[in-house]
Amino acid sequence: MLDPYTKPPAALREIYKRLHKLSVVDICNDSEIIDLQALDQMSKSRVCEVSLLMLHPRLPEAFGEFAGSPCEPTKAFVVYEVSRLPGLFVYPNFLPRDGQLQILAKTFHRDLSNPQHLTNVHTHYDVPTTSFGSSYFSPAAQDLVFSPRDPAVHKPISTGQFLDKKLRWLTLGGQYDWTNKIYPAGPPPPFPPDVKQLVETLFPMKAEAAIVNLYSPGDTLSLHRDVSEECDQALVSISLGCEGIFLVGLDDDRAVTLRLRSGDAVLMSGESRYAWHGVPKVLAGTCPKWMQDWPAGDGEYEAWSGWMAGKRINLNVRQMFN
């Protein structure tokens, strides 16, 4: 079993540092960055196209069942395998708009309010429950107080501070222990069944644990490997909101950089399953216009208009057991 405390290779750390310093103009002009929603000849030379409908014949129906509305019947679903890293598949523009909005709604209106799903805030605060399991975005939740477990170290925070600045990740299903880098013993909380069904229909894996990462421009995710699961099954990452630069590699000779946009998905399997990966850059001002005002739009959450405009959300799903 690989050691979760091992440091990434120095060459990969140098690539990560270089990417972190790039401006948006530099990123657009960097021929080493693969952007599969704006596919150029350089990017095409480093990937192999696969027909996704051949792999997943129920794809349109799965999206429709999840979103509660028919999927676009004429949409061309395509997946690419990265030549340098066998088993690394990129699904550009994969999730339709309704599917993306439904993931946001289910995750932040429903799952975040479930006390079985822990967040980074639970480490230092007593997180209050919402009335009748309502969303933290709802007007009824705005007067909640998050009390620090050690008042000498932390001050109380409001719901607004929790949602705007403090919330960095949420765990679904298996509750990963970030401090000890293990999954706790005992049966995990149930994984949200509708998200589980969607993931397991679309990808060759069981959805048993997930980490929902929240980023703002300026935030990063350091290089790491996901090695705590008791199996070597694939893991999948779904991008929502602002674009991110994703570095993944086994060493400096087998490293690739992807520009991931809202609706993109990445599957890490085979050789790439235990590759080092991280997010050295989140690009400000790149959230799709139709998503920027979420969760406003239906009248109940208008006070939060624009919340997604400065957010990048990653739903990272993995299988824990064989």
C-alpha atoms as a PDB file:
ATOM      1  CA  MET A   1       0.000   0.000   0.000  1.00  0.00           C
ATOM      2  CA  LEU A   2       1.295   3.458  -0.899  1.00  0.00           C
ATOM      3  CA  ASP A   3       2.193   5.869   1.900  1.00  0.00           C
ATOM      4  CA  PRO A   4      -0.129   8.926   1.961  1.00  0.00           C
ATOM      5  CA  TYR A   5       2.654  10.946   3.619  1.00  0.00           C
ATOM      6  CA  THR A   6       5.173  10.491   0.778  1.00  0.00           C
ATOM      7  CA  LYS A   7       6.167  13.779  -0.866  1.00  0.00           C
ATOM      8  CA  PRO A   8       5.594  14.218  -4.608  1.00  0.00           C
ATOM      9  CA  PRO A   9       8.638  14.137  -6.942  1.00  0.00           C
ATOM     10  CA  ALA A  10      10.617  17.373  -7.060  1.00  0.00           C
ATOM     11  CA  ALA A  11      10.077  17.710 -10.815  1.00  0.00           C
ATOM     12  CA  LEU A  12       6.303  17.656 -10.383  1.00  0.00           C
ATOM     13  CA  ARG A  13       6.517  20.218  -7.596  1.00  0.00           C
ATOM     14  CA  GLU A  14       8.425  22.544  -9.933  1.00  0.00           C
ATOM     15  CA  ILE A  15       5.784  22.168 -12.664  1.00  0.00           C
ATOM     16  CA  TYR A  16       3.099  22.909 -10.057  1.00  0.00           C
ATOM     17  CA  LYS A  17       4.896  26.097  -8.945  1.00  0.00           C
ATOM     18  CA  ARG A  18       5.264  27.289 -12.540  1.00  0.00           C
ATOM     19  CA  LEU A  19       1.567  26.754 -13.254  1.00  0.00           C
ATOM     20  CA  HIS A  20       0.570  28.567 -10.058  1.00  0.00           C
ATOM     21  CA  LYS A  21       2.383  31.701 -11.238  1.00  0.00           C
ATOM     22  CA  LEU A  22       0.855  31.828 -14.728  1.00  0.00           C
ATOM     23  CA  SER A  23      -1.571  34.596 -15.680  1.00  0.00           C
ATOM     24  CA  VAL A  24      -4.765  33.841 -17.591  1.00  0.00           C
ATOM     25  CA  VAL A  25      -3.075  35.125 -20.775  1.00  0.00           C
ATOM     26  CA  ASP A  26      -0.109  32.830 -20.164  1.00  0.00           C
ATOM     27  CA  ILE A  27      -2.454  29.890 -19.621  1.00  0.00           C
ATOM     28  CA  CYS A  28      -4.289  30.588 -22.894  1.00  0.00           C
ATOM     29  CA  ASN A  29      -0.947  30.702 -24.746  1.00  0.00           C
ATOM     30  CA  ASP A  30       0.644  27.688 -23.051  1.00  0.00           C
ATOM     31  CA  SER A  31       0.701  24.855 -25.586  1.00  0.00           C
ATOM     32  CA  GLU A  32       1.399  22.299 -22.839  1.00  0.00           C
ATOM     33  CA  ILE A  33      -2.031  22.815 -21.261  1.00  0.00           C
ATOM     34  CA  ILE A  34      -4.688  20.537 -22.773  1.00  0.00           C
ATOM     35  CA  ASP A  35      -8.073  22.231 -23.154  1.00  0.00           C
ATOM     36  CA  LEU A  36     -10.574  19.736 -24.542  1.00  0.00           C
ATOM     37  CA  GLN A  37     -13.487  22.168 -24.747  1.00  0.00           C
ATOM     38  CA  ALA A  38     -11.391  24.299 -27.123  1.00  0.00           C
ATOM     39  CA  LEU A  39      -9.516  21.478 -28.816  1.00  0.00           C
ATOM     40  CA  ASP A  40      -6.516  22.538 -30.901  1.00  0.00           C
ATOM     41  CA  GLN A  41      -4.094  20.436 -32.913  1.00  0.00           C
ATOM     42  CA  MET A  42      -1.530  20.305 -30.103  1.00  0.00           C
ATOM     43  CA  SER A  43      -4.113  18.983 -27.650  1.00  0.00           C
ATOM     44  CA  LYS A  44      -5.448  16.488 -30.213  1.00  0.00           C
ATOM     45  CA  SER A  45      -1.981  14.999 -30.638  1.00  0.00           C
ATOM     46  CA  ARG A  46      -1.865  14.017 -26.954  1.00  0.00           C
ATOM     47  CA  VAL A  47      -5.255  12.348 -26.576  1.00  0.00           C
ATOM     48  CA  CYS A  48      -7.160   9.482 -28.161  1.00  0.00           C
ATOM     49  CA  GLU A  49     -10.881   9.920 -28.835  1.00  0.00           C
ATOM     50  CA  VAL A  50     -13.336   7.234 -27.718  1.00  0.00           C
ATOM     51  CA  SER A  51     -17.070   7.124 -28.434  1.00  0.00           C
ATOM     52  CA  LEU A  52     -18.793   7.582 -25.092  1.00  0.00           C
ATOM     53  CA  LEU A  53     -22.172   6.339 -26.274  1.00  0.00           C
ATOM     54  CA  MET A  54     -20.559   2.995 -27.062  1.00  0.00           C
ATOM     55  CA  LEU A  55     -19.382   2.821 -23.450  1.00  0.00           C
ATOM     56  CA  HIS A  56     -22.552   4.135 -21.824  1.00  0.00           C
ATOM     57  CA  PRO A  57     -25.683   3.498 -23.920  1.00  0.00           C
ATOM     58  CA  ARG A  58     -27.968   4.756 -21.081  1.00  0.00           C
ATOM     59  CA  LEU A  59     -26.202   8.096 -20.810  1.00  0.00           C
ATOM     60  CA  PRO A  60     -29.061  10.400 -21.923  1.00  0.00           C
ATOM     61  CA  GLU A  61     -31.592   8.535 -19.788  1.00  0.00           C
ATOM     62  CA  ALA A  62     -29.323   8.692 -16.735  1.00  0.00           C
ATOM     63  CA  PHE A  63     -29.020  12.467 -17.009  1.00  0.00           C
ATOM     64  CA  GLY A  64     -32.743  12.814 -17.508  1.00  0.00           C
ATOM     65  CA  GLU A  65     -33.576  10.683 -14.462  1.00  0.00           C
ATOM     66  CA  PHE A  66     -31.162  12.644 -12.286  1.00  0.00           C
ATOM     67  CA  ALA A  67     -32.228  16.116 -13.421  1.00  0.00           C
ATOM     68  CA  GLY A  68     -35.908  15.282 -13.706  1.00  0.00           C
ATOM     69  CA  SER A  69     -36.065  16.442 -17.323  1.00  0.00           C
ATOM     70  CA  PRO A  70     -35.107  14.943 -20.705  1.00  0.00           C
ATOM     71  CA  CYS A  71     -31.463  15.220 -21.737  1.00  0.00           C
ATOM     72  CA  GLU A  72     -30.551  17.032 -24.956  1.00  0.00           C
ATOM     73  CA  PRO A  73     -31.015  14.213 -27.511  1.00  0.00           C
ATOM     74  CA  THR A  74     -28.611  15.634 -30.081  1.00  0.00           C
ATOM     75  CA  LYS A  75     -25.664  16.268 -27.801  1.00  0.00           C
ATOM     76  CA  ALA A  76     -22.496  14.452 -28.945  1.00  0.00           C
ATOM     77  CA  PHE A  77     -20.858  12.711 -25.983  1.00  0.00           C
ATOM     78  CA  VAL A  78     -17.129  12.150 -26.432  1.00  0.00           C
ATOM     79  CA  VAL A  79     -14.380  10.986 -24.092  1.00  0.00           C
ATOM     80  CA  TYR A  80     -10.631  11.247 -24.540  1.00  0.00           C
ATOM     81  CA  GLU A  81      -7.877   9.091 -23.075  1.00  0.00           C
ATOM     82  CA  VAL A  82      -4.608  10.918 -22.388  1.00  0.00           C
ATOM     83  CA  SER A  83      -1.870   9.116 -24.316  1.00  0.00           C
ATOM     84  CA  ARG A  84       0.877   9.798 -21.797  1.00  0.00           C
ATOM     85  CA  LEU A  85      -1.144   8.408 -18.864  1.00  0.00           C
ATOM     86  CA  PRO A  86      -3.127   5.284 -19.792  1.00  0.00           C
ATOM     87  CA  GLY A  87      -6.381   5.103 -17.853  1.00  0.00           C
ATOM     88  CA  LEU A  88      -6.739   8.882 -17.534  1.00  0.00           C
ATOM     89  CA  PHE A  89      -9.988   9.773 -19.306  1.00  0.00           C
ATOM     90  CA  VAL A  90     -11.319  13.297 -19.803  1.00  0.00           C
ATOM     91  CA  TYR A  91     -15.028  13.914 -20.505  1.00  0.00           C
ATOM     92  CA  PRO A  92     -15.273  17.504 -21.807  1.00  0.00           C
ATOM     93  CA  ASN A  93     -18.582  19.356 -21.432  1.00  0.00           C
ATOM     94  CA  PHE A  94     -20.005  16.116 -20.061  1.00  0.00           C
ATOM     95  CA  LEU A  95     -22.779  17.171 -17.692  1.00  0.00           C
ATOM     96  CA  PRO A  96     -25.647  19.173 -19.201  1.00  0.00           C
ATOM     97  CA  ARG A  97     -26.726  22.392 -17.488  1.00  0.00           C
ATOM     98  CA  ASP A  98     -29.641  20.814 -15.650  1.00  0.00           C
ATOM     99  CA  GLY A  99     -27.375  18.069 -14.347  1.00  0.00           C
ATOM    100  CA  GLN A 100     -24.826  20.582 -13.045  1.00  0.00           C
ATOM    101  CA  LEU A 101     -27.487  22.656 -11.304  1.00  0.00           C
ATOM    102  CA  GLN A 102     -29.025  19.548  -9.786  1.00  0.00           C
ATOM    103  CA  ILE A 103     -25.667  18.490  -8.324  1.00  0.00           C
ATOM    104  CA  LEU A 104     -25.299  21.935  -6.752  1.00  0.00           C
ATOM    105  CA  ALA A 105     -28.835  21.842  -5.352  1.00  0.00           C
ATOM    106  CA  LYS A 106     -28.595  18.321  -3.959  1.00  0.00           C
ATOM    107  CA  THR A 107     -25.150  18.911  -2.472  1.00  0.00           C
ATOM    108  CA  PHE A 108     -25.627  22.320  -0.884  1.00  0.00           C
ATOM    109  CA  HIS A 109     -29.358  22.447  -0.116  1.00  0.00           C
ATOM    110  CA  ARG A 110     -29.736  18.845   1.043  1.00  0.00           C
ATOM    111  CA  ASP A 111     -26.458  17.036   1.809  1.00  0.00           C
ATOM    112  CA  LEU A 112     -24.680  19.939   3.507  1.00  0.00           C
ATOM    113  CA  SER A 113     -27.590  20.152   5.981  1.00  0.00           C
ATOM    114  CA  ASN A 114     -27.304  16.465   6.868  1.00  0.00           C
ATOM    115  CA  PRO A 115     -25.209  16.196  10.078  1.00  0.00           C
ATOM    116  CA  GLN A 116     -23.891  12.793   8.955  1.00  0.00           C
ATOM    117  CA  HIS A 117     -21.847  14.557   6.271  1.00  0.00           C
ATOM    118  CA  LEU A 118     -18.931  16.333   7.948  1.00  0.00           C
ATOM    119  CA  THR A 119     -17.099  19.444   6.772  1.00  0.00           C
ATOM    120  CA  ASN A 120     -13.787  21.104   7.585  1.00  0.00           C
ATOM    121  CA  VAL A 121     -15.739  23.486   9.848  1.00  0.00           C
ATOM    122  CA  HIS A 122     -16.761  20.616  12.145  1.00  0.00           C
ATOM    123  CA  THR A 123     -13.131  20.342  13.292  1.00  0.00           C
ATOM    124  CA  HIS A 124     -13.224  23.622  15.199  1.00  0.00           C
ATOM    125  CA  TYR A 125     -16.930  24.507  15.490  1.00  0.00           C
ATOM    126  CA  ASP A 126     -20.199  23.070  16.708  1.00  0.00           C
ATOM    127  CA  VAL A 127     -22.187  23.224  13.482  1.00  0.00           C
ATOM    128  CA  PRO A 128     -25.864  23.977  14.184  1.00  0.00           C
ATOM    129  CA  THR A 129     -28.532  21.997  12.386  1.00  0.00           C
ATOM    130  CA  THR A 130     -31.092  23.745  10.242  1.00  0.00           C
ATOM    131  CA  SER A 131     -34.809  23.537  10.972  1.00  0.00           C
ATOM    132  CA  PHE A 132     -36.467  20.555   9.280  1.00  0.00           C
ATOM    133  CA  GLY A 133     -33.287  19.909   7.285  1.00  0.00           C
ATOM    134  CA  SER A 134     -33.659  23.136   5.288  1.00  0.00           C
ATOM    135  CA  SER A 135     -30.802  24.655   3.321  1.00  0.00           C
ATOM    136  CA  TYR A 136     -28.195  26.853   5.003  1.00  0.00           C
ATOM    137  CA  PHE A 137     -28.969  29.296   2.184  1.00  0.00           C
ATOM    138  CA  SER A 138     -32.593  29.642   3.350  1.00  0.00           C
ATOM    139  CA  PRO A 139     -33.683  32.814   5.200  1.00  0.00           C
ATOM    140  CA  ALA A 140     -34.558  30.705   8.269  1.00  0.00           C
ATOM    141  CA  ALA A 141     -30.900  29.673   8.643  1.00  0.00           C
ATOM    142  CA  GLN A 142     -29.354  33.133   8.528  1.00  0.00           C
ATOM    143  CA  ASP A 143     -29.478  33.712  12.301  1.00  0.00           C
ATOM    144  CA  LEU A 144     -27.647  30.504  13.194  1.00  0.00           C
ATOM    145  CA  VAL A 145     -24.428  30.811  15.185  1.00  0.00           C
ATOM    146  CA  PHE A 146     -21.484  28.460  14.732  1.00  0.00           C
ATOM    147  CA  SER A 147     -19.874  28.302  18.184  1.00  0.00           C
ATOM    148  CA  PRO A 148     -16.140  27.537  18.442  1.00  0.00           C
ATOM    149  CA  ARG A 149     -15.073  24.488  20.394  1.00  0.00           C
ATOM    150  CA  ASP A 150     -12.172  26.505  21.775  1.00  0.00           C
ATOM    151  CA  PRO A 151     -13.216  30.169  22.210  1.00  0.00           C
ATOM    152  CA  ALA A 152      -9.637  31.080  23.043  1.00  0.00           C
ATOM    153  CA  VAL A 153      -8.590  30.140  19.513  1.00  0.00           C
ATOM    154  CA  HIS A 154     -11.629  30.835  17.301  1.00  0.00           C
ATOM    155  CA  LYS A 155     -14.454  33.358  17.297  1.00  0.00           C
ATOM    156  CA  PRO A 156     -18.096  32.474  16.552  1.00  0.00           C
ATOM    157  CA  ILE A 157     -19.074  32.703  12.911  1.00  0.00           C
ATOM    158  CA  SER A 158     -22.350  33.386  11.153  1.00  0.00           C
ATOM    159  CA  THR A 159     -24.067  31.386   8.434  1.00  0.00           C
ATOM    160  CA  GLY A 160     -22.852  33.957   5.915  1.00  0.00           C
ATOM    161  CA  GLN A 161     -19.242  33.504   6.987  1.00  0.00           C
ATOM    162  CA  PHE A 162     -19.666  29.733   6.911  1.00  0.00           C
ATOM    163  CA  LEU A 163     -20.927  29.703   3.318  1.00  0.00           C
ATOM    164  CA  ASP A 164     -18.795  32.519   1.940  1.00  0.00           C
ATOM    165  CA  LYS A 165     -15.365  31.882   3.441  1.00  0.00           C
ATOM    166  CA  LYS A 166     -15.045  29.080   5.975  1.00  0.00           C
ATOM    167  CA  LEU A 167     -16.531  26.092   4.143  1.00  0.00           C
ATOM    168  CA  ARG A 168     -13.771  24.375   2.154  1.00  0.00           C
ATOM    169  CA  TRP A 169     -14.917  20.766   1.873  1.00  0.00           C
ATOM    170  CA  LEU A 170     -17.790  18.421   2.575  1.00  0.00           C
ATOM    171  CA  THR A 171     -17.592  14.618   2.790  1.00  0.00           C
ATOM    172  CA  LEU A 172     -20.328  12.275   1.547  1.00  0.00           C
ATOM    173  CA  GLY A 173     -20.580   8.594   2.415  1.00  0.00           C
ATOM    174  CA  GLY A 174     -17.233   7.442   3.838  1.00  0.00           C
ATOM    175  CA  GLN A 175     -16.006  10.256   6.101  1.00  0.00           C
ATOM    176  CA  TYR A 176     -12.303  10.656   5.348  1.00  0.00           C
ATOM    177  CA  ASP A 177     -10.113  11.690   8.289  1.00  0.00           C
ATOM    178  CA  TRP A 178      -7.836  14.350   6.826  1.00  0.00           C
ATOM    179  CA  THR A 179      -5.619  14.529   9.914  1.00  0.00           C
ATOM    180  CA  ASN A 180      -4.769  10.820  10.062  1.00  0.00           C
ATOM    181  CA  LYS A 181      -5.346  10.207   6.328  1.00  0.00           C
ATOM    182  CA  ILE A 182      -7.595   7.194   6.890  1.00  0.00           C
ATOM    183  CA  TYR A 183     -11.253   6.235   6.720  1.00  0.00           C
ATOM    184  CA  PRO A 184     -12.679   5.593  10.221  1.00  0.00           C
ATOM    185  CA  ALA A 185     -13.536   2.013  11.189  1.00  0.00           C
ATOM    186  CA  GLY A 186     -17.154   0.946  11.058  1.00  0.00           C
ATOM    187  CA  PRO A 187     -19.829   1.308   8.391  1.00  0.00           C
ATOM    188  CA  PRO A 188     -19.876   4.729   6.694  1.00  0.00           C
ATOM    189  CA  PRO A 189     -22.997   6.902   6.423  1.00  0.00           C
ATOM    190  CA  PRO A 190     -25.080   6.080   3.335  1.00  0.00           C
ATOM    191  CA  PHE A 191     -24.011   7.768   0.130  1.00  0.00           C
ATOM    192  CA  PRO A 192     -26.755  10.001  -1.365  1.00  0.00           C
ATOM    193  CA  PRO A 193     -28.676   7.449  -3.482  1.00  0.00           C
ATOM    194  CA  ASP A 194     -29.507   9.671  -6.465  1.00  0.00           C
ATOM    195  CA  VAL A 195     -25.916  10.867  -6.876  1.00  0.00           C
ATOM    196  CA  LYS A 196     -24.747   7.276  -6.362  1.00  0.00           C
ATOM    197  CA  GLN A 197     -27.037   6.004  -9.115  1.00  0.00           C
ATOM    198  CA  LEU A 198     -25.874   8.713 -11.532  1.00  0.00           C
ATOM    199  CA  VAL A 199     -22.160   8.091 -10.909  1.00  0.00           C
ATOM    200  CA  GLU A 200     -22.455   4.312 -11.081  1.00  0.00           C
ATOM    201  CA  THR A 201     -24.443   4.510 -14.329  1.00  0.00           C
ATOM    202  CA  LEU A 202     -21.905   6.799 -15.974  1.00  0.00           C
ATOM    203  CA  PHE A 203     -18.600   5.484 -14.660  1.00  0.00           C
ATOM    204  CA  PRO A 204     -17.057   2.031 -14.019  1.00  0.00           C
ATOM    205  CA  MET A 205     -17.010   2.226 -10.217  1.00  0.00           C
ATOM    206  CA  LYS A 206     -19.086   2.127  -7.047  1.00  0.00           C
ATOM    207  CA  ALA A 207     -19.812   5.490  -5.417  1.00  0.00           C
ATOM    208  CA  GLU A 208     -19.004   4.927  -1.735  1.00  0.00           C
ATOM    209  CA  ALA A 209     -17.232   8.106  -0.622  1.00  0.00           C
ATOM    210  CA  ALA A 210     -16.885  11.620  -1.961  1.00  0.00           C
ATOM    211  CA  ILE A 211     -15.151  14.853  -1.089  1.00  0.00           C
ATOM    212  CA  VAL A 212     -16.757  18.054  -2.343  1.00  0.00           C
ATOM    213  CA  ASN A 213     -14.028  20.707  -2.559  1.00  0.00           C
ATOM    214  CA  LEU A 214     -14.874  24.413  -2.680  1.00  0.00           C
ATOM    215  CA  TYR A 215     -12.365  26.848  -4.164  1.00  0.00           C
ATOM    216  CA  SER A 216     -12.223  30.565  -4.800  1.00  0.00           C
ATOM    217  CA  PRO A 217      -9.707  32.229  -7.157  1.00  0.00           C
ATOM    218  CA  GLY A 218      -6.376  32.184  -5.345  1.00  0.00           C
ATOM    219  CA  ASP A 219      -7.070  28.835  -3.679  1.00  0.00           C
ATOM    220  CA  THR A 220      -5.066  25.740  -4.585  1.00  0.00           C
ATOM    221  CA  LEU A 221      -5.022  22.009  -3.924  1.00  0.00           C
ATOM    222  CA  SER A 222      -1.535  20.670  -3.281  1.00  0.00           C
ATOM    223  CA  LEU A 223      -0.134  17.640  -5.078  1.00  0.00           C
ATOM    224  CA  HIS A 224      -1.242  14.365  -3.508  1.00  0.00           C
ATOM    225  CA  ARG A 225      -2.280  10.776  -4.228  1.00  0.00           C
ATOM    226  CA  ASP A 226      -5.560   9.170  -3.182  1.00  0.00           C
ATOM    227  CA  VAL A 227      -4.202   5.996  -1.595  1.00  0.00           C
ATOM    228  CA  SER A 228      -6.368   5.389   1.498  1.00  0.00           C
ATOM    229  CA  GLU A 229      -9.079   3.332  -0.200  1.00  0.00           C
ATOM    230  CA  GLU A 230      -8.967  -0.464   0.239  1.00  0.00           C
ATOM    231  CA  CYS A 231      -9.146  -1.030  -3.517  1.00  0.00           C
ATOM    232  CA  ASP A 232      -7.607   0.189  -6.749  1.00  0.00           C
ATOM    233  CA  GLN A 233     -10.886   1.001  -8.488  1.00  0.00           C
ATOM    234  CA  ALA A 234     -11.305   4.176 -10.527  1.00  0.00           C
ATOM    235  CA  LEU A 235     -12.111   7.563  -9.059  1.00  0.00           C
ATOM    236  CA  VAL A 236     -13.944  10.390 -10.793  1.00  0.00           C
ATOM    237  CA  SER A 237     -13.841  14.171 -10.460  1.00  0.00           C
ATOM    238  CA  ILE A 238     -16.620  16.450 -11.729  1.00  0.00           C
ATOM    239  CA  SER A 239     -15.995  20.189 -12.176  1.00  0.00           C
ATOM    240  CA  LEU A 240     -18.581  22.924 -11.604  1.00  0.00           C
ATOM    241  CA  GLY A 241     -18.245  26.707 -11.740  1.00  0.00           C
ATOM    242  CA  CYS A 242     -14.934  28.470 -12.345  1.00  0.00           C
ATOM    243  CA  GLU A 243     -12.280  26.792 -14.459  1.00  0.00           C
ATOM    244  CA  GLY A 244      -9.288  25.113 -12.870  1.00  0.00           C
ATOM    245  CA  ILE A 245      -5.833  24.012 -13.945  1.00  0.00           C
ATOM    246  CA  PHE A 246      -5.338  20.340 -13.088  1.00  0.00           C
ATOM    247  CA  LEU A 247      -1.865  18.804 -12.971  1.00  0.00           C
ATOM    248  CA  VAL A 248      -1.626  15.007 -12.922  1.00  0.00           C
ATOM    249  CA  GLY A 249       1.405  12.779 -13.362  1.00  0.00           C
ATOM    250  CA  LEU A 250       3.540   9.894 -12.217  1.00  0.00           C
ATOM    251  CA  ASP A 251       6.809  11.771 -12.760  1.00  0.00           C
ATOM    252  CA  ASP A 252       8.084  14.678 -14.872  1.00  0.00           C
ATOM    253  CA  ASP A 253       8.153  12.536 -18.046  1.00  0.00           C
ATOM    254  CA  ARG A 254       4.543  11.418 -17.561  1.00  0.00           C
ATOM    255  CA  ALA A 255       2.823  14.594 -16.404  1.00  0.00           C
ATOM    256  CA  VAL A 256      -0.048  16.373 -18.117  1.00  0.00           C
ATOM    257  CA  THR A 257      -1.859  19.618 -17.405  1.00  0.00           C
ATOM    258  CA  LEU A 258      -5.574  19.967 -18.123  1.00  0.00           C
ATOM    259  CA  ARG A 259      -7.760  23.056 -18.222  1.00  0.00           C
ATOM    260  CA  LEU A 260     -11.048  21.887 -16.741  1.00  0.00           C
ATOM    261  CA  ARG A 261     -14.289  23.775 -17.272  1.00  0.00           C
ATOM    262  CA  SER A 262     -17.724  23.541 -15.706  1.00  0.00           C
ATOM    263  CA  GLY A 263     -19.349  20.267 -16.700  1.00  0.00           C
ATOM    264  CA  ASP A 264     -16.064  18.449 -17.380  1.00  0.00           C
ATOM    265  CA  ALA A 265     -15.330  15.102 -15.726  1.00  0.00           C
ATOM    266  CA  VAL A 266     -12.037  13.247 -15.228  1.00  0.00           C
ATOM    267  CA  LEU A 267     -11.754   9.497 -14.589  1.00  0.00           C
ATOM    268  CA  MET A 268      -8.509   8.196 -13.082  1.00  0.00           C
ATOM    269  CA  SER A 269      -8.079   4.452 -13.621  1.00  0.00           C
ATOM    270  CA  GLY A 270      -5.353   1.989 -14.573  1.00  0.00           C
ATOM    271  CA  GLU A 271      -1.862   3.487 -14.384  1.00  0.00           C
ATOM    272  CA  SER A 272      -3.261   6.932 -13.586  1.00  0.00           C
ATOM    273  CA  ARG A 273      -5.268   5.781 -10.535  1.00  0.00           C
ATOM    274  CA  TYR A 274      -2.428   6.518  -8.124  1.00  0.00           C
ATOM    275  CA  ALA A 275      -0.906   9.421 -10.031  1.00  0.00           C
ATOM    276  CA  TRP A 276      -0.005  12.618  -8.214  1.00  0.00           C
ATOM    277  CA  HIS A 277      -2.526  15.353  -8.890  1.00  0.00           C
ATOM    278  CA  GLY A 278      -3.425  18.838  -7.715  1.00  0.00           C
ATOM    279  CA  VAL A 279      -4.964  22.181  -8.643  1.00  0.00           C
ATOM    280  CA  PRO A 280      -2.342  24.946  -8.812  1.00  0.00           C
ATOM    281  CA  LYS A 281      -4.715  27.562 -10.239  1.00  0.00           C
ATOM    282  CA  VAL A 282      -8.395  28.554 -10.224  1.00  0.00           C
ATOM    283  CA  LEU A 283      -9.279  31.073 -12.933  1.00  0.00           C
ATOM    284  CA  ALA A 284     -11.314  34.075 -11.799  1.00  0.00           C
ATOM    285  CA  GLY A 285     -14.240  35.238 -13.923  1.00  0.00           C
ATOM    286  CA  THR A 286     -14.717  31.911 -15.727  1.00  0.00           C
ATOM    287  CA  CYS A 287     -17.915  30.578 -14.140  1.00  0.00           C
ATOM    288  CA  PRO A 288     -20.571  30.194 -16.878  1.00  0.00           C
ATOM    289  CA  LYS A 289     -22.955  33.145 -16.910  1.00  0.00           C
ATOM    290  CA  TRP A 290     -25.998  30.900 -16.510  1.00  0.00           C
ATOM    291  CA  MET A 291     -24.555  29.513 -13.256  1.00  0.00           C
ATOM    292  CA  GLN A 292     -23.141  32.674 -11.685  1.00  0.00           C
ATOM    293  CA  ASP A 293     -26.269  33.682  -9.735  1.00  0.00           C
ATOM    294  CA  TRP A 294     -26.907  30.242  -8.240  1.00  0.00           C
ATOM    295  CA  PRO A 295     -28.578  29.582  -5.756  1.00  0.00           C
ATOM    296  CA  ALA A 296     -30.775  32.581  -6.587  1.00  0.00           C
ATOM    297  CA  GLY A 297     -33.414  32.156  -9.231  1.00  0.00           C
ATOM    298  CA  ASP A 298     -36.506  30.669  -7.651  1.00  0.00           C
ATOM    299  CA  GLY A 299     -37.235  33.499  -5.222  1.00  0.00           C
ATOM    300  CA  GLU A 300     -36.157  31.798  -1.989  1.00  0.00           C
ATOM    301  CA  TYR A 301     -32.405  32.366  -2.150  1.00  0.00           C
ATOM    302  CA  GLU A 302     -32.210  35.786  -3.840  1.00  0.00           C
ATOM    303  CA  ALA A 303     -29.963  37.138  -1.071  1.00  0.00           C
ATOM    304  CA  TRP A 304     -27.251  34.762  -2.326  1.00  0.00           C
ATOM    305  CA  SER A 305     -27.318  35.923  -5.945  1.00  0.00           C
ATOM    306  CA  GLY A 306     -23.811  35.685  -7.400  1.00  0.00           C
ATOM    307  CA  TRP A 307     -22.487  33.109  -4.912  1.00  0.00           C
ATOM    308  CA  MET A 308     -21.261  30.721  -7.623  1.00  0.00           C
ATOM    309  CA  ALA A 309     -19.653  33.485  -9.713  1.00  0.00           C
ATOM    310  CA  GLY A 310     -16.490  33.218  -7.633  1.00  0.00           C
ATOM    311  CA  LYS A 311     -16.594  29.511  -6.816  1.00  0.00           C
ATOM    312  CA  ARG A 312     -15.153  26.320  -8.241  1.00  0.00           C
ATOM    313  CA  ILE A 313     -16.733  23.094  -6.967  1.00  0.00           C
ATOM    314  CA  ASN A 314     -15.192  19.653  -7.430  1.00  0.00           C
ATOM    315  CA  LEU A 315     -17.182  16.511  -6.679  1.00  0.00           C
ATOM    316  CA  ASN A 316     -14.540  13.809  -6.192  1.00  0.00           C
ATOM    317  CA  VAL A 317     -16.046  10.320  -5.926  1.00  0.00           C
ATOM    318  CA  ARG A 318     -14.223   7.131  -5.106  1.00  0.00           C
ATOM    319  CA  GLN A 319     -14.825   3.475  -4.314  1.00  0.00           C
ATOM    320  CA  MET A 320     -13.601   2.447  -0.855  1.00  0.00           C
ATOM    321  CA  PHE A 321     -13.834  -1.352  -0.968  1.00  0.00           C
ATOM    322  CA  ASN A 322     -13.498  -4.153  -3.519  1.00  0.00           C
END
